[in-house]
Amino acid sequence: MSETNVGNALHPLLLRKVVAALDTAAADLVGAHDLTADRWRMLEVLVLAGPMSMARLSEELSLAGATATRVADRLVGDALVYRDVDPDDRRRVVLRAAERGRALHAELSPEVSRAQEHVLAGLGEAERVGLARLAHALAGTPPIT
């Protein structure tokens, strides 16, 4: 396969379409709770990974700083997360999931997972494992265990 064919087989827009399909699968579920895909992902990161600085959240979610701040502002306004001053560096802001946010995540997470499973329903188990392994390799992140 030539370089051109490899590039066309895995065009960046193809990866965006996969992400969009996963977001769309969850949109109605999280939208019913006044969440967007970005707000849901930020809440999920904070619930699963724990408190995090705005800079790190921006990086984890691949959001511009201003966008991450708007998303965080809305989550704070909805009392789903708290914004705290980092006790080790008072110049940094740290976000953490509020109990209300944790409860909402616990309620919605199984439903969101089921909805997103439909996007991947055409893949066999080996293909899913391979896709996860490749996605982690491309993102430079360790696999979630």
N, C-alpha and C. Protein backbone atom coordinates (compact mmCIF):
# COMPACT_ATOMS: atom_id res chain seq x y z
N MET A 1 0.85 -1.18 0.00
CA MET A 1 0.00 0.00 0.00
C MET A 1 0.90 1.24 0.00
N SER A 2 0.64 2.17 -0.89
CA SER A 2 1.46 3.37 -0.97
C SER A 2 1.13 4.31 0.17
N GLU A 3 2.00 5.32 0.38
CA GLU A 3 1.77 6.32 1.43
C GLU A 3 0.44 7.02 1.23
N THR A 4 0.11 7.33 0.00
CA THR A 4 -1.15 8.02 -0.30
C THR A 4 -2.34 7.18 0.13
N ASN A 5 -2.31 5.89 -0.17
CA ASN A 5 -3.41 5.01 0.21
C ASN A 5 -3.55 4.89 1.72
N VAL A 6 -2.42 4.81 2.43
CA VAL A 6 -2.47 4.74 3.89
C VAL A 6 -3.08 6.02 4.43
N GLY A 7 -2.67 7.17 3.91
CA GLY A 7 -3.21 8.45 4.36
C GLY A 7 -4.69 8.57 4.11
N ASN A 8 -5.16 8.08 2.97
CA ASN A 8 -6.58 8.13 2.66
C ASN A 8 -7.38 7.15 3.51
N ALA A 9 -6.78 6.02 3.86
CA ALA A 9 -7.49 5.02 4.65
C ALA A 9 -7.76 5.51 6.07
N LEU A 10 -6.90 6.37 6.60
CA LEU A 10 -7.06 6.88 7.96
C LEU A 10 -6.98 8.40 7.93
N HIS A 11 -7.88 8.98 7.21
CA HIS A 11 -7.94 10.43 7.10
C HIS A 11 -8.40 11.02 8.44
N PRO A 12 -7.82 12.14 8.87
CA PRO A 12 -8.22 12.74 10.16
C PRO A 12 -9.72 13.00 10.28
N LEU A 13 -10.38 13.30 9.16
CA LEU A 13 -11.82 13.52 9.23
C LEU A 13 -12.56 12.23 9.59
N LEU A 14 -12.00 11.10 9.24
CA LEU A 14 -12.60 9.83 9.59
C LEU A 14 -12.62 9.66 11.11
N LEU A 15 -11.51 10.01 11.76
CA LEU A 15 -11.45 9.92 13.22
C LEU A 15 -12.43 10.90 13.86
N ARG A 16 -12.56 12.09 13.29
CA ARG A 16 -13.54 13.06 13.80
C ARG A 16 -14.96 12.52 13.67
N LYS A 17 -15.23 11.81 12.58
CA LYS A 17 -16.57 11.25 12.38
C LYS A 17 -16.88 10.18 13.43
N VAL A 18 -15.88 9.40 13.80
CA VAL A 18 -16.07 8.38 14.83
C VAL A 18 -16.40 9.07 16.16
N VAL A 19 -15.63 10.09 16.51
CA VAL A 19 -15.88 10.82 17.75
C VAL A 19 -17.26 11.48 17.70
N ALA A 20 -17.61 12.08 16.58
CA ALA A 20 -18.93 12.71 16.44
C ALA A 20 -20.04 11.68 16.60
N ALA A 21 -19.86 10.48 16.06
CA ALA A 21 -20.88 9.43 16.20
C ALA A 21 -21.04 9.03 17.66
N LEU A 22 -19.93 8.94 18.39
CA LEU A 22 -19.99 8.61 19.82
C LEU A 22 -20.68 9.73 20.59
N ASP A 23 -20.36 10.98 20.27
CA ASP A 23 -20.99 12.13 20.93
C ASP A 23 -22.48 12.17 20.63
N THR A 24 -22.84 11.94 19.38
CA THR A 24 -24.25 11.97 18.98
C THR A 24 -25.04 10.89 19.71
N ALA A 25 -24.43 9.73 19.90
CA ALA A 25 -25.10 8.63 20.59
C ALA A 25 -25.46 9.02 22.02
N ALA A 26 -24.67 9.88 22.64
CA ALA A 26 -24.91 10.28 24.02
C ALA A 26 -25.66 11.60 24.14
N ALA A 27 -25.79 12.33 23.04
CA ALA A 27 -26.30 13.71 23.09
C ALA A 27 -27.67 13.83 23.72
N ASP A 28 -28.61 12.99 23.33
CA ASP A 28 -29.96 13.10 23.89
C ASP A 28 -29.97 12.80 25.38
N LEU A 29 -29.21 11.80 25.78
CA LEU A 29 -29.16 11.43 27.20
C LEU A 29 -28.61 12.55 28.06
N VAL A 30 -27.47 13.09 27.67
CA VAL A 30 -26.86 14.15 28.49
C VAL A 30 -27.58 15.48 28.28
N GLY A 31 -28.11 15.69 27.07
CA GLY A 31 -28.84 16.91 26.77
C GLY A 31 -30.09 17.07 27.63
N ALA A 32 -30.71 15.96 27.97
CA ALA A 32 -31.89 16.01 28.84
C ALA A 32 -31.55 16.54 30.23
N HIS A 33 -30.26 16.55 30.55
CA HIS A 33 -29.78 17.07 31.84
C HIS A 33 -29.01 18.37 31.64
N ASP A 34 -29.28 19.04 30.52
CA ASP A 34 -28.67 20.33 30.19
C ASP A 34 -27.15 20.26 30.08
N LEU A 35 -26.66 19.12 29.58
CA LEU A 35 -25.22 18.95 29.36
C LEU A 35 -24.95 18.84 27.86
N THR A 36 -23.82 19.39 27.45
CA THR A 36 -23.32 19.17 26.10
C THR A 36 -22.30 18.04 26.16
N ALA A 37 -21.82 17.62 25.01
CA ALA A 37 -20.78 16.59 24.99
C ALA A 37 -19.54 17.06 25.74
N ASP A 38 -19.14 18.31 25.55
CA ASP A 38 -17.96 18.83 26.26
C ASP A 38 -18.17 18.86 27.77
N ARG A 39 -19.36 19.27 28.21
CA ARG A 39 -19.63 19.31 29.65
C ARG A 39 -19.65 17.89 30.22
N TRP A 40 -20.25 16.96 29.48
CA TRP A 40 -20.28 15.57 29.93
C TRP A 40 -18.87 15.03 30.07
N ARG A 41 -18.04 15.26 29.04
CA ARG A 41 -16.66 14.73 29.08
C ARG A 41 -15.87 15.34 30.22
N MET A 42 -16.04 16.66 30.47
CA MET A 42 -15.30 17.28 31.56
C MET A 42 -15.75 16.70 32.90
N LEU A 43 -17.06 16.57 33.08
CA LEU A 43 -17.56 15.97 34.31
C LEU A 43 -17.02 14.56 34.47
N GLU A 44 -17.03 13.78 33.40
CA GLU A 44 -16.55 12.40 33.47
C GLU A 44 -15.07 12.34 33.85
N VAL A 45 -14.27 13.20 33.26
CA VAL A 45 -12.84 13.22 33.60
C VAL A 45 -12.65 13.54 35.08
N LEU A 46 -13.39 14.53 35.58
CA LEU A 46 -13.24 14.91 36.98
C LEU A 46 -13.73 13.82 37.93
N VAL A 47 -14.79 13.12 37.56
CA VAL A 47 -15.28 12.03 38.40
C VAL A 47 -14.29 10.87 38.39
N LEU A 48 -13.79 10.51 37.22
CA LEU A 48 -12.94 9.33 37.10
C LEU A 48 -11.49 9.58 37.50
N ALA A 49 -10.97 10.77 37.20
CA ALA A 49 -9.55 11.04 37.46
C ALA A 49 -9.31 11.86 38.72
N GLY A 50 -10.34 12.50 39.23
CA GLY A 50 -10.18 13.32 40.43
C GLY A 50 -9.88 14.76 40.09
N PRO A 51 -9.64 15.57 41.11
CA PRO A 51 -9.40 17.01 40.90
C PRO A 51 -8.28 17.25 39.89
N MET A 52 -8.45 18.32 39.11
CA MET A 52 -7.50 18.59 38.05
C MET A 52 -7.46 20.09 37.78
N SER A 53 -6.28 20.57 37.42
CA SER A 53 -6.13 21.98 37.07
C SER A 53 -6.80 22.27 35.73
N MET A 54 -7.15 23.52 35.53
CA MET A 54 -7.76 23.91 34.26
C MET A 54 -6.82 23.61 33.09
N ALA A 55 -5.55 23.86 33.27
CA ALA A 55 -4.59 23.60 32.19
C ALA A 55 -4.58 22.12 31.82
N ARG A 56 -4.57 21.28 32.82
CA ARG A 56 -4.55 19.83 32.54
C ARG A 56 -5.87 19.38 31.93
N LEU A 57 -7.00 19.92 32.41
CA LEU A 57 -8.30 19.58 31.83
C LEU A 57 -8.35 19.97 30.36
N SER A 58 -7.86 21.16 30.05
CA SER A 58 -7.82 21.62 28.66
C SER A 58 -7.06 20.62 27.81
N GLU A 59 -5.93 20.19 28.32
CA GLU A 59 -5.09 19.24 27.60
C GLU A 59 -5.77 17.88 27.46
N GLU A 60 -6.31 17.37 28.55
CA GLU A 60 -6.98 16.06 28.54
C GLU A 60 -8.14 16.03 27.56
N LEU A 61 -8.89 17.13 27.48
CA LEU A 61 -10.08 17.17 26.65
C LEU A 61 -9.83 17.76 25.27
N SER A 62 -8.59 18.15 25.01
CA SER A 62 -8.23 18.78 23.73
C SER A 62 -9.12 19.99 23.44
N LEU A 63 -9.29 20.82 24.46
CA LEU A 63 -10.08 22.04 24.33
C LEU A 63 -9.16 23.25 24.47
N ALA A 64 -9.46 24.29 23.73
CA ALA A 64 -8.75 25.55 23.92
C ALA A 64 -9.04 26.04 25.34
N GLY A 65 -8.11 26.78 25.90
CA GLY A 65 -8.25 27.26 27.27
C GLY A 65 -9.55 28.01 27.50
N ALA A 66 -9.90 28.91 26.59
CA ALA A 66 -11.13 29.70 26.75
C ALA A 66 -12.36 28.81 26.70
N THR A 67 -12.35 27.81 25.83
CA THR A 67 -13.48 26.89 25.73
C THR A 67 -13.60 26.07 27.01
N ALA A 68 -12.48 25.56 27.50
CA ALA A 68 -12.49 24.78 28.74
C ALA A 68 -13.01 25.63 29.90
N THR A 69 -12.64 26.89 29.93
CA THR A 69 -13.12 27.78 30.99
C THR A 69 -14.63 27.96 30.90
N ARG A 70 -15.16 28.15 29.69
CA ARG A 70 -16.62 28.29 29.52
C ARG A 70 -17.34 27.02 29.96
N VAL A 71 -16.80 25.88 29.59
CA VAL A 71 -17.41 24.61 29.98
C VAL A 71 -17.39 24.48 31.50
N ALA A 72 -16.25 24.77 32.09
CA ALA A 72 -16.12 24.68 33.55
C ALA A 72 -17.06 25.67 34.24
N ASP A 73 -17.16 26.88 33.71
CA ASP A 73 -18.05 27.89 34.30
C ASP A 73 -19.48 27.37 34.37
N ARG A 74 -19.91 26.73 33.31
CA ARG A 74 -21.28 26.21 33.26
C ARG A 74 -21.47 25.08 34.27
N LEU A 75 -20.48 24.18 34.37
CA LEU A 75 -20.57 23.09 35.34
C LEU A 75 -20.57 23.62 36.77
N VAL A 76 -19.76 24.64 37.02
CA VAL A 76 -19.74 25.28 38.35
C VAL A 76 -21.09 25.93 38.61
N GLY A 77 -21.61 26.65 37.63
CA GLY A 77 -22.91 27.31 37.77
C GLY A 77 -24.04 26.34 38.04
N ASP A 78 -23.92 25.14 37.51
CA ASP A 78 -24.94 24.10 37.72
C ASP A 78 -24.66 23.27 38.98
N ALA A 79 -23.65 23.66 39.74
CA ALA A 79 -23.27 22.99 41.00
C ALA A 79 -22.88 21.52 40.78
N LEU A 80 -22.33 21.22 39.60
CA LEU A 80 -21.86 19.85 39.32
C LEU A 80 -20.38 19.69 39.64
N VAL A 81 -19.65 20.79 39.60
CA VAL A 81 -18.23 20.77 39.98
C VAL A 81 -17.95 22.01 40.84
N TYR A 82 -16.86 21.91 41.59
CA TYR A 82 -16.39 23.04 42.40
C TYR A 82 -15.08 23.53 41.83
N ARG A 83 -14.87 24.82 41.92
CA ARG A 83 -13.61 25.43 41.52
C ARG A 83 -12.91 25.83 42.81
N ASP A 84 -11.70 25.32 43.00
CA ASP A 84 -10.92 25.59 44.21
C ASP A 84 -9.57 26.19 43.84
N VAL A 85 -8.96 26.82 44.80
CA VAL A 85 -7.58 27.28 44.64
C VAL A 85 -6.68 26.12 45.02
N ASP A 86 -5.66 25.86 44.22
CA ASP A 86 -4.71 24.79 44.49
C ASP A 86 -3.98 25.14 45.79
N PRO A 87 -4.03 24.26 46.80
CA PRO A 87 -3.37 24.57 48.07
C PRO A 87 -1.84 24.66 47.95
N ASP A 88 -1.27 24.02 46.91
CA ASP A 88 0.18 24.07 46.72
C ASP A 88 0.63 25.25 45.88
N ASP A 89 -0.26 25.81 45.10
CA ASP A 89 0.08 26.94 44.24
C ASP A 89 -1.18 27.79 44.09
N ARG A 90 -1.29 28.82 44.89
CA ARG A 90 -2.50 29.62 44.97
C ARG A 90 -2.83 30.35 43.66
N ARG A 91 -1.93 30.30 42.68
CA ARG A 91 -2.21 30.92 41.38
C ARG A 91 -3.00 29.98 40.47
N ARG A 92 -3.02 28.71 40.82
CA ARG A 92 -3.70 27.72 39.98
C ARG A 92 -5.11 27.44 40.48
N VAL A 93 -6.00 27.18 39.52
CA VAL A 93 -7.38 26.79 39.82
C VAL A 93 -7.49 25.29 39.59
N VAL A 94 -8.15 24.63 40.52
CA VAL A 94 -8.37 23.19 40.43
C VAL A 94 -9.87 22.95 40.45
N LEU A 95 -10.33 22.09 39.58
CA LEU A 95 -11.74 21.71 39.57
C LEU A 95 -11.89 20.32 40.15
N ARG A 96 -13.00 20.11 40.84
CA ARG A 96 -13.31 18.78 41.37
C ARG A 96 -14.81 18.56 41.28
N ALA A 97 -15.18 17.32 41.09
CA ALA A 97 -16.59 16.97 40.96
C ALA A 97 -17.30 17.15 42.29
N ALA A 98 -18.45 17.80 42.25
CA ALA A 98 -19.30 17.93 43.43
C ALA A 98 -20.08 16.63 43.61
N GLU A 99 -20.65 16.44 44.77
CA GLU A 99 -21.45 15.24 45.01
C GLU A 99 -22.60 15.16 44.01
N ARG A 100 -23.20 16.30 43.70
CA ARG A 100 -24.28 16.34 42.72
C ARG A 100 -23.78 15.88 41.34
N GLY A 101 -22.58 16.29 40.98
CA GLY A 101 -21.99 15.86 39.71
C GLY A 101 -21.67 14.38 39.71
N ARG A 102 -21.17 13.89 40.82
CA ARG A 102 -20.88 12.45 40.93
C ARG A 102 -22.16 11.62 40.80
N ALA A 103 -23.22 12.09 41.44
CA ALA A 103 -24.49 11.37 41.38
C ALA A 103 -25.04 11.38 39.95
N LEU A 104 -24.97 12.52 39.28
CA LEU A 104 -25.44 12.60 37.89
C LEU A 104 -24.61 11.69 37.00
N HIS A 105 -23.31 11.68 37.20
CA HIS A 105 -22.43 10.80 36.42
C HIS A 105 -22.80 9.34 36.65
N ALA A 106 -23.01 8.97 37.90
CA ALA A 106 -23.36 7.58 38.22
C ALA A 106 -24.69 7.20 37.57
N GLU A 107 -25.62 8.13 37.51
CA GLU A 107 -26.92 7.88 36.89
C GLU A 107 -26.81 7.73 35.38
N LEU A 108 -26.05 8.62 34.74
CA LEU A 108 -26.00 8.66 33.28
C LEU A 108 -24.95 7.75 32.65
N SER A 109 -23.89 7.47 33.34
CA SER A 109 -22.77 6.74 32.75
C SER A 109 -23.17 5.40 32.13
N PRO A 110 -23.96 4.57 32.81
CA PRO A 110 -24.34 3.30 32.17
C PRO A 110 -25.17 3.51 30.90
N GLU A 111 -26.06 4.50 30.93
CA GLU A 111 -26.88 4.79 29.76
C GLU A 111 -26.04 5.31 28.60
N VAL A 112 -25.09 6.19 28.90
CA VAL A 112 -24.21 6.74 27.86
C VAL A 112 -23.37 5.61 27.27
N SER A 113 -22.86 4.75 28.12
CA SER A 113 -22.05 3.61 27.63
C SER A 113 -22.86 2.72 26.71
N ARG A 114 -24.10 2.43 27.08
CA ARG A 114 -24.95 1.59 26.23
C ARG A 114 -25.23 2.27 24.89
N ALA A 115 -25.51 3.57 24.93
CA ALA A 115 -25.78 4.31 23.69
C ALA A 115 -24.56 4.29 22.78
N GLN A 116 -23.38 4.46 23.36
CA GLN A 116 -22.16 4.48 22.57
C GLN A 116 -21.78 3.10 22.08
N GLU A 117 -22.19 2.07 22.78
CA GLU A 117 -21.95 0.70 22.34
C GLU A 117 -22.58 0.45 20.98
N HIS A 118 -23.72 1.08 20.73
CA HIS A 118 -24.39 0.88 19.44
C HIS A 118 -23.52 1.36 18.28
N VAL A 119 -22.71 2.38 18.51
CA VAL A 119 -21.80 2.89 17.47
C VAL A 119 -20.77 1.83 17.11
N LEU A 120 -20.36 1.07 18.12
CA LEU A 120 -19.31 0.06 17.92
C LEU A 120 -19.88 -1.35 17.72
N ALA A 121 -21.19 -1.45 17.63
CA ALA A 121 -21.85 -2.76 17.58
C ALA A 121 -21.38 -3.63 16.42
N GLY A 122 -20.95 -3.03 15.33
CA GLY A 122 -20.52 -3.82 14.18
C GLY A 122 -19.13 -4.40 14.31
N LEU A 123 -18.42 -4.06 15.38
CA LEU A 123 -17.07 -4.58 15.59
C LEU A 123 -17.10 -5.80 16.49
N GLY A 124 -16.26 -6.76 16.16
CA GLY A 124 -16.09 -7.92 17.02
C GLY A 124 -15.21 -7.56 18.21
N GLU A 125 -15.13 -8.46 19.18
CA GLU A 125 -14.35 -8.21 20.39
C GLU A 125 -12.88 -7.92 20.06
N ALA A 126 -12.28 -8.71 19.20
CA ALA A 126 -10.88 -8.49 18.84
C ALA A 126 -10.69 -7.14 18.17
N GLU A 127 -11.66 -6.74 17.34
CA GLU A 127 -11.57 -5.43 16.68
C GLU A 127 -11.69 -4.29 17.70
N ARG A 128 -12.55 -4.44 18.68
CA ARG A 128 -12.69 -3.42 19.73
C ARG A 128 -11.40 -3.28 20.54
N VAL A 129 -10.83 -4.43 20.90
CA VAL A 129 -9.58 -4.42 21.66
C VAL A 129 -8.48 -3.77 20.82
N GLY A 130 -8.42 -4.11 19.55
CA GLY A 130 -7.42 -3.53 18.66
C GLY A 130 -7.63 -2.03 18.48
N LEU A 131 -8.87 -1.62 18.32
CA LEU A 131 -9.18 -0.20 18.19
C LEU A 131 -8.76 0.56 19.44
N ALA A 132 -9.07 0.01 20.61
CA ALA A 132 -8.68 0.66 21.87
C ALA A 132 -7.16 0.76 21.97
N ARG A 133 -6.46 -0.31 21.63
CA ARG A 133 -5.00 -0.32 21.70
C ARG A 133 -4.41 0.73 20.75
N LEU A 134 -4.93 0.80 19.53
CA LEU A 134 -4.45 1.78 18.56
C LEU A 134 -4.76 3.21 18.99
N ALA A 135 -5.96 3.43 19.51
CA ALA A 135 -6.34 4.77 19.96
C ALA A 135 -5.42 5.24 21.08
N HIS A 136 -5.12 4.36 22.02
CA HIS A 136 -4.20 4.73 23.11
C HIS A 136 -2.80 5.01 22.57
N ALA A 137 -2.36 4.21 21.62
CA ALA A 137 -1.04 4.42 21.02
C ALA A 137 -0.98 5.77 20.31
N LEU A 138 -2.02 6.09 19.54
CA LEU A 138 -2.04 7.36 18.82
C LEU A 138 -2.12 8.55 19.77
N ALA A 139 -2.87 8.40 20.87
CA ALA A 139 -3.03 9.47 21.83
C ALA A 139 -1.85 9.57 22.78
N GLY A 140 -1.00 8.55 22.80
CA GLY A 140 0.15 8.56 23.71
C GLY A 140 -0.26 8.39 25.17
N THR A 141 -1.35 7.64 25.39
CA THR A 141 -1.83 7.41 26.74
C THR A 141 -1.80 5.92 27.05
N PRO A 142 -1.61 5.60 28.32
CA PRO A 142 -1.63 4.18 28.68
C PRO A 142 -3.05 3.64 28.62
N PRO A 143 -3.20 2.38 28.29
CA PRO A 143 -4.54 1.78 28.28
C PRO A 143 -5.19 1.86 29.66
N ILE A 144 -6.50 2.03 29.68
CA ILE A 144 -7.25 2.05 30.93
C ILE A 144 -7.49 0.62 31.34
N THR A 145 -7.19 0.31 32.57
CA THR A 145 -7.37 -1.07 33.05
C THR A 145 -8.47 -1.14 34.07
